[in-house]
């Protein structure tokens, strides 16, 4: 079963450039995540999909849908999106998911060309959760540096937590930690 999931992930990452605007790969001490976004920053909508493998045979998939646009935060050029992220997770003893509402913003720093900061926050109450999840919170903060025109490196922090329906285990951090990665633009 492990081989087939790894093969599917590898094939999706190879095929992603054919129909994607960008692709990023990030690592924490315990996980690896691949994310593909299908439309560029100039589009009014954004659709994305991702997969995370967490040590201990935990698999996490996400599907994103946002309305997005360019704006300014103070005098800083910003790309912002408001929408939803569907998160689905599976591990040996439990599985579940949720549809979180929230959004993201990427703030560019004009005085430091190539430097930007990205943050995203999504929350799903119990009414939008299913399986063994009772609610879910997803938070990510990154500092990005555009090394060349079509690639950037980033560092940051990721937190994905769900409360469980089980009283003996009230909540679990599905993925948490300091991350590093790269993003390629097509």
N, C-alpha and C. Protein backbone atom coordinates (compact mmCIF):
# COMPACT_ATOMS: atom_id res chain seq x y z
N UNK A 1 0.83 -1.19 0.00
CA UNK A 1 0.00 0.00 0.00
C UNK A 1 0.87 1.25 0.00
N UNK A 2 2.00 1.23 0.74
CA UNK A 2 2.89 2.39 0.79
C UNK A 2 3.45 2.71 -0.59
N UNK A 3 3.85 1.66 -1.31
CA UNK A 3 4.44 1.85 -2.63
C UNK A 3 3.45 2.52 -3.58
N UNK A 4 2.20 2.11 -3.55
CA UNK A 4 1.23 2.68 -4.48
C UNK A 4 0.96 4.14 -4.16
N UNK A 5 0.90 4.53 -2.88
CA UNK A 5 0.67 5.93 -2.51
C UNK A 5 1.86 6.79 -2.91
N UNK A 6 3.06 6.28 -2.69
CA UNK A 6 4.26 7.02 -3.09
C UNK A 6 4.30 7.16 -4.61
N UNK A 7 3.95 6.11 -5.33
CA UNK A 7 3.93 6.16 -6.79
C UNK A 7 2.91 7.19 -7.31
N UNK A 8 1.73 7.21 -6.69
CA UNK A 8 0.71 8.17 -7.10
C UNK A 8 1.18 9.59 -6.82
N UNK A 9 1.81 9.83 -5.66
CA UNK A 9 2.34 11.15 -5.33
C UNK A 9 3.42 11.56 -6.32
N UNK A 10 4.33 10.66 -6.64
CA UNK A 10 5.39 10.98 -7.59
C UNK A 10 4.83 11.30 -8.96
N UNK A 11 3.87 10.51 -9.43
CA UNK A 11 3.25 10.78 -10.73
C UNK A 11 2.53 12.12 -10.75
N UNK A 12 1.83 12.44 -9.65
CA UNK A 12 1.12 13.73 -9.62
C UNK A 12 2.09 14.89 -9.64
N UNK A 13 3.21 14.77 -8.94
CA UNK A 13 4.18 15.85 -8.93
C UNK A 13 4.85 16.01 -10.29
N UNK A 14 5.04 14.91 -11.00
CA UNK A 14 5.63 14.98 -12.33
C UNK A 14 4.65 15.60 -13.32
N UNK A 15 3.37 15.24 -13.21
CA UNK A 15 2.36 15.74 -14.14
C UNK A 15 1.89 17.15 -13.79
N UNK A 16 2.14 17.63 -12.58
CA UNK A 16 1.64 18.93 -12.13
C UNK A 16 2.03 20.10 -13.02
N UNK A 17 3.27 20.19 -13.51
CA UNK A 17 3.63 21.35 -14.33
C UNK A 17 2.79 21.51 -15.58
N UNK A 18 2.18 20.44 -16.07
CA UNK A 18 1.39 20.52 -17.29
C UNK A 18 0.20 21.45 -17.13
N UNK A 19 -0.42 21.46 -15.94
CA UNK A 19 -1.61 22.26 -15.76
C UNK A 19 -1.60 23.10 -14.48
N UNK A 20 -0.41 23.42 -13.97
CA UNK A 20 -0.32 24.17 -12.71
C UNK A 20 0.32 25.52 -12.91
N UNK A 21 0.01 26.44 -11.99
CA UNK A 21 0.65 27.75 -11.97
C UNK A 21 1.87 27.72 -11.06
N UNK A 22 1.77 26.99 -9.95
CA UNK A 22 2.92 26.83 -9.06
C UNK A 22 2.82 25.54 -8.29
N UNK A 23 3.96 25.12 -7.77
CA UNK A 23 4.04 23.89 -6.99
C UNK A 23 5.05 24.14 -5.88
N UNK A 24 4.70 23.74 -4.64
CA UNK A 24 5.70 23.86 -3.58
C UNK A 24 5.85 22.55 -2.84
N UNK A 25 7.02 22.39 -2.27
CA UNK A 25 7.37 21.22 -1.50
C UNK A 25 7.98 21.71 -0.20
N UNK A 26 7.43 21.25 0.95
CA UNK A 26 7.96 21.69 2.23
C UNK A 26 8.19 20.50 3.15
N UNK A 27 9.15 20.67 4.06
CA UNK A 27 9.52 19.62 4.99
C UNK A 27 9.50 20.16 6.42
N UNK A 28 8.98 19.36 7.34
CA UNK A 28 9.18 19.60 8.77
C UNK A 28 10.04 18.43 9.25
N UNK A 29 10.29 18.38 10.52
CA UNK A 29 11.07 17.28 11.06
C UNK A 29 10.33 15.95 10.92
N UNK A 30 8.99 16.00 10.88
CA UNK A 30 8.19 14.78 10.87
C UNK A 30 7.33 14.59 9.63
N UNK A 31 7.36 15.53 8.68
CA UNK A 31 6.44 15.42 7.54
C UNK A 31 7.02 16.03 6.27
N UNK A 32 6.40 15.64 5.16
CA UNK A 32 6.70 16.23 3.85
C UNK A 32 5.36 16.57 3.20
N UNK A 33 5.27 17.77 2.60
CA UNK A 33 4.03 18.21 1.97
C UNK A 33 4.30 18.72 0.57
N UNK A 34 3.46 18.30 -0.37
CA UNK A 34 3.47 18.84 -1.73
C UNK A 34 2.16 19.56 -1.98
N UNK A 35 2.21 20.73 -2.59
CA UNK A 35 1.02 21.54 -2.87
C UNK A 35 1.10 22.04 -4.30
N UNK A 36 -0.01 21.94 -5.02
CA UNK A 36 -0.10 22.44 -6.39
C UNK A 36 -1.24 23.44 -6.44
N UNK A 37 -0.99 24.63 -6.98
CA UNK A 37 -2.04 25.62 -7.22
C UNK A 37 -2.19 25.77 -8.72
N UNK A 38 -3.44 25.78 -9.20
CA UNK A 38 -3.68 25.67 -10.63
C UNK A 38 -3.78 27.01 -11.36
N UNK A 39 -4.00 28.12 -10.66
CA UNK A 39 -4.12 29.42 -11.31
C UNK A 39 -3.11 30.39 -10.73
N UNK A 40 -2.69 31.37 -11.49
CA UNK A 40 -1.71 32.35 -11.05
C UNK A 40 -2.32 33.41 -10.14
N UNK A 41 -1.47 34.29 -9.62
CA UNK A 41 -1.89 35.36 -8.72
C UNK A 41 -2.81 36.38 -9.38
N UNK A 42 -2.79 36.49 -10.70
CA UNK A 42 -3.62 37.47 -11.40
C UNK A 42 -5.04 36.97 -11.67
N UNK A 43 -5.29 35.69 -11.44
CA UNK A 43 -6.64 35.16 -11.64
C UNK A 43 -7.54 35.54 -10.47
N UNK A 44 -8.85 35.60 -10.72
CA UNK A 44 -9.82 35.93 -9.68
C UNK A 44 -10.12 34.75 -8.77
N UNK A 45 -9.85 33.54 -9.22
CA UNK A 45 -10.10 32.33 -8.44
C UNK A 45 -8.81 31.53 -8.31
N UNK A 46 -8.72 30.74 -7.26
CA UNK A 46 -7.59 29.85 -7.06
C UNK A 46 -8.10 28.49 -6.63
N UNK A 47 -7.57 27.45 -7.23
CA UNK A 47 -7.89 26.08 -6.91
C UNK A 47 -6.57 25.36 -6.68
N UNK A 48 -6.48 24.64 -5.58
CA UNK A 48 -5.23 23.94 -5.26
C UNK A 48 -5.50 22.60 -4.61
N UNK A 49 -4.47 21.77 -4.58
CA UNK A 49 -4.55 20.46 -3.94
C UNK A 49 -3.20 20.13 -3.35
N UNK A 50 -3.23 19.43 -2.22
CA UNK A 50 -1.98 19.07 -1.57
C UNK A 50 -2.07 17.73 -0.88
N UNK A 51 -0.89 17.18 -0.58
CA UNK A 51 -0.79 15.91 0.13
C UNK A 51 0.36 16.01 1.11
N UNK A 52 0.12 15.54 2.35
CA UNK A 52 1.16 15.52 3.38
C UNK A 52 1.30 14.10 3.89
N UNK A 53 2.53 13.63 3.95
CA UNK A 53 2.81 12.37 4.63
C UNK A 53 3.49 12.71 5.94
N UNK A 54 2.89 12.28 7.05
CA UNK A 54 3.44 12.52 8.37
C UNK A 54 3.96 11.20 8.92
N UNK A 55 5.13 11.23 9.54
CA UNK A 55 5.72 10.05 10.14
C UNK A 55 4.70 9.30 10.99
N UNK A 56 4.72 8.00 10.93
CA UNK A 56 3.76 7.20 11.68
C UNK A 56 2.55 6.82 10.85
N UNK A 57 2.66 6.86 9.54
CA UNK A 57 1.60 6.47 8.61
C UNK A 57 0.36 7.33 8.70
N UNK A 58 0.53 8.63 8.86
CA UNK A 58 -0.60 9.56 8.81
C UNK A 58 -0.58 10.23 7.44
N UNK A 59 -1.70 10.17 6.74
CA UNK A 59 -1.84 10.77 5.43
C UNK A 59 -2.84 11.91 5.52
N UNK A 60 -2.47 13.07 4.97
CA UNK A 60 -3.34 14.25 5.03
C UNK A 60 -3.44 14.81 3.61
N UNK A 61 -4.66 14.99 3.14
CA UNK A 61 -4.88 15.59 1.82
C UNK A 61 -5.69 16.87 2.00
N UNK A 62 -5.45 17.82 1.13
CA UNK A 62 -6.24 19.06 1.17
C UNK A 62 -6.63 19.49 -0.23
N UNK A 63 -7.80 20.13 -0.32
CA UNK A 63 -8.29 20.74 -1.55
C UNK A 63 -8.69 22.17 -1.18
N UNK A 64 -8.20 23.14 -1.94
CA UNK A 64 -8.43 24.56 -1.63
C UNK A 64 -9.23 25.23 -2.74
N UNK A 65 -10.10 26.14 -2.34
CA UNK A 65 -10.85 26.96 -3.30
C UNK A 65 -10.98 28.36 -2.71
N UNK A 66 -10.49 29.38 -3.46
CA UNK A 66 -10.48 30.75 -2.97
C UNK A 66 -10.89 31.75 -4.06
N UNK A 67 -11.52 32.83 -3.62
CA UNK A 67 -11.60 34.04 -4.44
C UNK A 67 -10.36 34.83 -4.05
N UNK A 68 -9.62 35.32 -5.02
CA UNK A 68 -8.38 36.02 -4.70
C UNK A 68 -8.24 37.30 -5.50
N UNK A 69 -7.40 38.18 -5.01
CA UNK A 69 -7.18 39.44 -5.70
C UNK A 69 -6.00 40.19 -5.11
N UNK A 70 -5.64 41.25 -5.81
CA UNK A 70 -4.55 42.11 -5.37
C UNK A 70 -5.11 43.25 -4.55
N UNK A 71 -4.42 43.59 -3.48
CA UNK A 71 -4.82 44.70 -2.62
C UNK A 71 -3.55 45.29 -2.01
N UNK A 72 -3.69 46.12 -1.00
CA UNK A 72 -2.54 46.67 -0.30
C UNK A 72 -2.80 46.62 1.19
N UNK A 73 -1.78 46.30 1.93
CA UNK A 73 -1.82 46.32 3.38
C UNK A 73 -0.91 47.48 3.79
N UNK A 74 -1.53 48.62 4.13
CA UNK A 74 -0.75 49.84 4.27
C UNK A 74 -0.28 50.23 2.89
N UNK A 75 1.02 50.36 2.73
CA UNK A 75 1.59 50.64 1.41
C UNK A 75 2.25 49.41 0.80
N UNK A 76 1.99 48.24 1.36
CA UNK A 76 2.64 47.02 0.90
C UNK A 76 1.72 46.25 -0.04
N UNK A 77 2.19 45.96 -1.26
CA UNK A 77 1.38 45.18 -2.21
C UNK A 77 1.10 43.78 -1.66
N UNK A 78 -0.17 43.37 -1.75
CA UNK A 78 -0.61 42.12 -1.12
C UNK A 78 -1.52 41.35 -2.08
N UNK A 79 -1.36 40.05 -2.10
CA UNK A 79 -2.31 39.15 -2.75
C UNK A 79 -3.06 38.43 -1.63
N UNK A 80 -4.39 38.51 -1.65
CA UNK A 80 -5.19 37.89 -0.59
C UNK A 80 -6.25 36.98 -1.20
N UNK A 81 -6.61 35.96 -0.44
CA UNK A 81 -7.64 35.05 -0.86
C UNK A 81 -8.55 34.68 0.30
N UNK A 82 -9.84 34.59 0.01
CA UNK A 82 -10.82 34.18 1.01
C UNK A 82 -11.56 32.98 0.43
N UNK A 83 -11.70 31.94 1.25
CA UNK A 83 -12.37 30.75 0.73
C UNK A 83 -12.39 29.62 1.72
N UNK A 84 -12.15 28.42 1.21
CA UNK A 84 -12.22 27.23 2.05
C UNK A 84 -11.13 26.24 1.71
N UNK A 85 -10.81 25.44 2.72
CA UNK A 85 -9.83 24.36 2.56
C UNK A 85 -10.46 23.10 3.13
N UNK A 86 -10.62 22.10 2.28
CA UNK A 86 -11.07 20.78 2.73
C UNK A 86 -9.86 19.96 3.12
N UNK A 87 -9.86 19.45 4.34
CA UNK A 87 -8.73 18.66 4.84
C UNK A 87 -9.25 17.28 5.21
N UNK A 88 -8.58 16.26 4.71
CA UNK A 88 -8.96 14.87 4.94
C UNK A 88 -7.74 14.13 5.47
N UNK A 89 -7.86 13.43 6.58
CA UNK A 89 -6.72 12.73 7.17
C UNK A 89 -7.07 11.28 7.48
N UNK A 90 -6.04 10.45 7.49
CA UNK A 90 -6.21 9.03 7.74
C UNK A 90 -4.97 8.52 8.46
N UNK A 91 -5.18 7.78 9.52
CA UNK A 91 -4.08 7.09 10.20
C UNK A 91 -4.60 5.75 10.67
N UNK A 92 -3.79 4.96 11.32
CA UNK A 92 -4.15 3.58 11.66
C UNK A 92 -5.46 3.46 12.44
N UNK A 93 -5.63 4.22 13.51
CA UNK A 93 -6.77 4.03 14.40
C UNK A 93 -7.95 4.94 14.10
N UNK A 94 -7.75 6.00 13.36
CA UNK A 94 -8.82 6.98 13.18
C UNK A 94 -8.65 7.69 11.84
N UNK A 95 -9.73 8.35 11.41
CA UNK A 95 -9.67 9.18 10.21
C UNK A 95 -10.79 10.21 10.30
N UNK A 96 -10.69 11.24 9.50
CA UNK A 96 -11.70 12.28 9.52
C UNK A 96 -11.34 13.41 8.59
N UNK A 97 -12.00 14.52 8.81
CA UNK A 97 -11.73 15.68 7.98
C UNK A 97 -12.65 16.82 8.33
N UNK A 98 -12.48 17.89 7.59
CA UNK A 98 -13.28 19.08 7.83
C UNK A 98 -13.14 20.02 6.64
N UNK A 99 -14.09 20.93 6.53
CA UNK A 99 -14.01 22.00 5.53
C UNK A 99 -13.85 23.29 6.31
N UNK A 100 -12.63 23.82 6.29
CA UNK A 100 -12.32 25.03 7.04
C UNK A 100 -12.56 26.28 6.22
N UNK A 101 -13.10 27.30 6.86
CA UNK A 101 -13.29 28.61 6.22
C UNK A 101 -12.17 29.52 6.68
N UNK A 102 -11.68 30.36 5.78
CA UNK A 102 -10.59 31.26 6.14
C UNK A 102 -9.97 31.87 4.90
N UNK A 103 -8.67 32.04 4.95
CA UNK A 103 -8.00 32.63 3.80
C UNK A 103 -6.51 32.75 4.00
N UNK A 104 -5.89 33.45 3.04
CA UNK A 104 -4.44 33.63 3.05
C UNK A 104 -4.12 35.03 2.57
N UNK A 105 -2.90 35.45 2.84
CA UNK A 105 -2.39 36.72 2.32
C UNK A 105 -0.89 36.60 2.13
N UNK A 106 -0.39 37.15 1.02
CA UNK A 106 1.04 37.25 0.77
C UNK A 106 1.37 38.72 0.64
N UNK A 107 2.24 39.20 1.52
CA UNK A 107 2.62 40.60 1.57
C UNK A 107 4.03 40.74 1.03
N UNK A 108 4.20 41.53 -0.03
CA UNK A 108 5.52 41.79 -0.62
C UNK A 108 6.15 43.01 0.04
N UNK A 109 7.46 42.96 0.21
CA UNK A 109 8.21 44.05 0.82
C UNK A 109 8.99 44.77 -0.28
N UNK A 110 8.50 45.94 -0.77
CA UNK A 110 9.15 46.61 -1.89
C UNK A 110 10.60 47.05 -1.61
N UNK A 111 10.91 47.39 -0.37
CA UNK A 111 12.28 47.83 -0.05
C UNK A 111 13.28 46.68 -0.06
N UNK A 112 12.78 45.45 -0.04
CA UNK A 112 13.64 44.26 -0.10
C UNK A 112 13.13 43.38 -1.23
N UNK A 113 13.51 43.67 -2.48
CA UNK A 113 13.00 42.90 -3.62
C UNK A 113 13.20 41.40 -3.43
N UNK A 114 12.14 40.65 -3.69
CA UNK A 114 12.19 39.20 -3.55
C UNK A 114 11.69 38.69 -2.21
N UNK A 115 11.58 39.58 -1.21
CA UNK A 115 11.14 39.16 0.11
C UNK A 115 9.63 39.34 0.27
N UNK A 116 8.97 38.32 0.79
CA UNK A 116 7.53 38.40 1.06
C UNK A 116 7.21 37.51 2.26
N UNK A 117 6.04 37.75 2.83
CA UNK A 117 5.55 36.96 3.96
C UNK A 117 4.16 36.45 3.61
N UNK A 118 3.91 35.18 3.91
CA UNK A 118 2.62 34.55 3.62
C UNK A 118 2.05 33.97 4.90
N UNK A 119 0.75 34.18 5.09
CA UNK A 119 0.07 33.59 6.22
C UNK A 119 -1.28 33.05 5.80
N UNK A 120 -1.71 31.99 6.43
CA UNK A 120 -3.02 31.41 6.15
C UNK A 120 -3.64 30.86 7.42
N UNK A 121 -4.95 31.04 7.56
CA UNK A 121 -5.67 30.55 8.73
C UNK A 121 -7.03 30.02 8.29
N UNK A 122 -7.37 28.80 8.73
CA UNK A 122 -8.65 28.17 8.42
C UNK A 122 -9.19 27.52 9.68
N UNK A 123 -10.48 27.63 9.88
CA UNK A 123 -11.12 27.01 11.04
C UNK A 123 -12.41 26.32 10.59
N UNK A 124 -12.59 25.10 11.09
CA UNK A 124 -13.81 24.34 10.82
C UNK A 124 -14.44 23.95 12.15
N UNK A 125 -15.64 24.47 12.47
CA UNK A 125 -16.34 24.03 13.68
C UNK A 125 -16.88 22.62 13.48
N UNK A 126 -17.47 22.08 14.52
CA UNK A 126 -17.94 20.69 14.46
C UNK A 126 -18.98 20.46 13.36
N UNK A 127 -19.77 21.48 13.03
CA UNK A 127 -20.79 21.31 11.98
C UNK A 127 -20.17 21.06 10.60
N UNK A 128 -18.93 21.51 10.40
CA UNK A 128 -18.23 21.32 9.12
C UNK A 128 -17.19 20.21 9.19
N UNK A 129 -17.23 19.40 10.25
CA UNK A 129 -16.27 18.31 10.44
C UNK A 129 -16.97 16.96 10.30
N UNK A 130 -16.21 15.94 9.98
CA UNK A 130 -16.78 14.61 9.82
C UNK A 130 -15.78 13.55 10.25
N UNK A 131 -16.24 12.32 10.31
CA UNK A 131 -15.38 11.22 10.76
C UNK A 131 -15.07 11.39 12.23
N UNK A 132 -13.82 11.16 12.60
CA UNK A 132 -13.40 11.27 13.99
C UNK A 132 -13.05 12.71 14.40
N UNK A 133 -13.09 13.65 13.48
CA UNK A 133 -12.80 15.06 13.79
C UNK A 133 -14.04 15.75 14.35
N UNK A 134 -13.82 16.55 15.38
CA UNK A 134 -14.92 17.33 15.94
C UNK A 134 -14.80 18.81 15.53
N UNK A 135 -13.60 19.30 15.37
CA UNK A 135 -13.34 20.60 14.76
C UNK A 135 -11.90 20.58 14.26
N UNK A 136 -11.49 21.60 13.53
CA UNK A 136 -10.14 21.61 12.97
C UNK A 136 -9.63 23.03 12.83
N UNK A 137 -8.34 23.21 13.10
CA UNK A 137 -7.67 24.50 12.93
C UNK A 137 -6.41 24.28 12.11
N UNK A 138 -6.23 25.11 11.08
CA UNK A 138 -5.04 25.05 10.25
C UNK A 138 -4.43 26.44 10.18
N UNK A 139 -3.14 26.55 10.49
CA UNK A 139 -2.44 27.82 10.51
C UNK A 139 -1.05 27.63 9.90
N UNK A 140 -0.64 28.57 9.05
CA UNK A 140 0.71 28.51 8.48
C UNK A 140 1.22 29.92 8.28
N UNK A 141 2.49 30.13 8.61
CA UNK A 141 3.15 31.41 8.44
C UNK A 141 4.51 31.15 7.81
N UNK A 142 4.84 31.91 6.72
CA UNK A 142 6.10 31.69 6.01
C UNK A 142 6.77 32.99 5.63
N UNK A 143 8.09 32.97 5.62
CA UNK A 143 8.90 34.05 5.05
C UNK A 143 9.48 33.49 3.76
N UNK A 144 9.25 34.21 2.63
CA UNK A 144 9.65 33.72 1.31
C UNK A 144 10.73 34.63 0.74
N UNK A 145 11.64 34.04 -0.02
CA UNK A 145 12.61 34.85 -0.75
C UNK A 145 12.71 34.31 -2.18
N UNK A 146 12.41 35.18 -3.15
CA UNK A 146 12.42 34.81 -4.57
C UNK A 146 13.87 34.82 -5.03
N UNK A 147 14.44 33.64 -5.24
CA UNK A 147 15.84 33.49 -5.62
C UNK A 147 16.04 33.85 -7.08
N UNK A 148 15.17 33.33 -7.93
CA UNK A 148 15.17 33.66 -9.36
C UNK A 148 13.73 33.94 -9.76
N UNK A 149 13.51 34.36 -10.99
CA UNK A 149 12.19 34.76 -11.44
C UNK A 149 11.11 33.71 -11.19
N UNK A 150 11.43 32.42 -11.33
CA UNK A 150 10.40 31.39 -11.23
C UNK A 150 10.61 30.42 -10.06
N UNK A 151 11.35 30.83 -9.03
CA UNK A 151 11.53 29.94 -7.87
C UNK A 151 11.84 30.76 -6.62
N UNK A 152 11.28 30.28 -5.51
CA UNK A 152 11.57 30.91 -4.22
C UNK A 152 11.80 29.85 -3.16
N UNK A 153 12.52 30.25 -2.12
CA UNK A 153 12.75 29.41 -0.96
C UNK A 153 11.97 30.01 0.20
N UNK A 154 11.55 29.18 1.15
CA UNK A 154 10.81 29.71 2.28
C UNK A 154 11.10 28.92 3.55
N UNK A 155 10.88 29.59 4.69
CA UNK A 155 10.93 28.98 6.01
C UNK A 155 9.69 29.44 6.74
N UNK A 156 9.24 28.66 7.72
CA UNK A 156 8.04 29.08 8.43
C UNK A 156 7.63 28.08 9.49
N UNK A 157 6.34 28.12 9.81
CA UNK A 157 5.77 27.28 10.84
C UNK A 157 4.38 26.82 10.39
N UNK A 158 4.07 25.53 10.60
CA UNK A 158 2.78 24.97 10.23
C UNK A 158 2.15 24.31 11.45
N UNK A 159 0.83 24.49 11.60
CA UNK A 159 0.08 23.90 12.71
C UNK A 159 -1.26 23.42 12.18
N UNK A 160 -1.52 22.13 12.33
CA UNK A 160 -2.79 21.54 11.93
C UNK A 160 -3.28 20.67 13.07
N UNK A 161 -4.41 21.05 13.68
CA UNK A 161 -4.91 20.39 14.87
C UNK A 161 -6.38 20.04 14.67
N UNK A 162 -6.78 18.90 15.21
CA UNK A 162 -8.18 18.53 15.22
C UNK A 162 -8.56 18.00 16.59
N UNK A 163 -9.74 18.34 17.02
CA UNK A 163 -10.30 17.73 18.23
C UNK A 163 -10.97 16.45 17.80
N UNK A 164 -10.84 15.44 18.64
CA UNK A 164 -11.41 14.14 18.32
C UNK A 164 -12.71 13.92 19.08
N UNK A 165 -13.53 13.03 18.56
CA UNK A 165 -14.78 12.67 19.21
C UNK A 165 -14.56 11.82 20.46
N UNK A 166 -13.33 11.30 20.64
CA UNK A 166 -13.03 10.41 21.76
C UNK A 166 -12.70 11.22 23.01
N UNK A 167 -13.36 10.96 24.13
CA UNK A 167 -13.04 11.69 25.38
C UNK A 167 -11.65 11.36 25.90
N UNK A 168 -11.13 10.16 25.63
CA UNK A 168 -9.80 9.79 26.13
C UNK A 168 -8.69 10.55 25.40
N UNK A 169 -8.92 10.96 24.17
CA UNK A 169 -7.95 11.73 23.40
C UNK A 169 -8.64 12.97 22.87
N UNK A 170 -8.60 14.08 23.62
CA UNK A 170 -9.39 15.26 23.23
C UNK A 170 -8.94 15.92 21.92
N UNK A 171 -7.66 15.95 21.64
CA UNK A 171 -7.22 16.54 20.37
C UNK A 171 -5.88 15.96 19.97
N UNK A 172 -5.54 16.17 18.71
CA UNK A 172 -4.28 15.67 18.18
C UNK A 172 -3.74 16.70 17.19
N UNK A 173 -2.44 16.94 17.26
CA UNK A 173 -1.77 17.77 16.26
C UNK A 173 -1.45 16.87 15.07
N UNK A 174 -2.17 17.04 14.00
CA UNK A 174 -1.96 16.21 12.81
C UNK A 174 -0.62 16.53 12.16
N UNK A 175 -0.23 17.80 12.18
CA UNK A 175 1.06 18.23 11.63
C UNK A 175 1.43 19.53 12.30
N UNK A 176 2.64 19.61 12.84
CA UNK A 176 3.09 20.83 13.50
C UNK A 176 4.60 20.89 13.45
N UNK A 177 5.12 22.09 13.20
CA UNK A 177 6.55 22.26 13.28
C UNK A 177 7.08 23.34 12.38
N UNK A 178 8.37 23.60 12.58
CA UNK A 178 9.10 24.54 11.74
C UNK A 178 9.29 23.87 10.39
N UNK A 179 9.12 24.64 9.32
CA UNK A 179 9.21 24.07 7.98
C UNK A 179 10.19 24.85 7.11
N UNK A 180 10.66 24.19 6.11
CA UNK A 180 11.50 24.80 5.07
C UNK A 180 11.09 24.19 3.75
N UNK A 181 11.20 24.97 2.67
CA UNK A 181 10.82 24.42 1.39
C UNK A 181 11.12 25.32 0.23
N UNK A 182 10.60 24.94 -0.93
CA UNK A 182 10.79 25.73 -2.16
C UNK A 182 9.50 25.72 -2.96
N UNK A 183 9.32 26.79 -3.73
CA UNK A 183 8.16 26.93 -4.58
C UNK A 183 8.64 27.24 -5.99
N UNK A 184 8.06 26.55 -6.96
CA UNK A 184 8.42 26.76 -8.37
C UNK A 184 7.19 27.28 -9.09
N UNK A 185 7.37 28.35 -9.88
CA UNK A 185 6.28 28.97 -10.64
C UNK A 185 6.42 28.53 -12.10
N UNK A 186 5.29 28.22 -12.73
CA UNK A 186 5.30 27.77 -14.14
C UNK A 186 4.73 28.85 -15.05
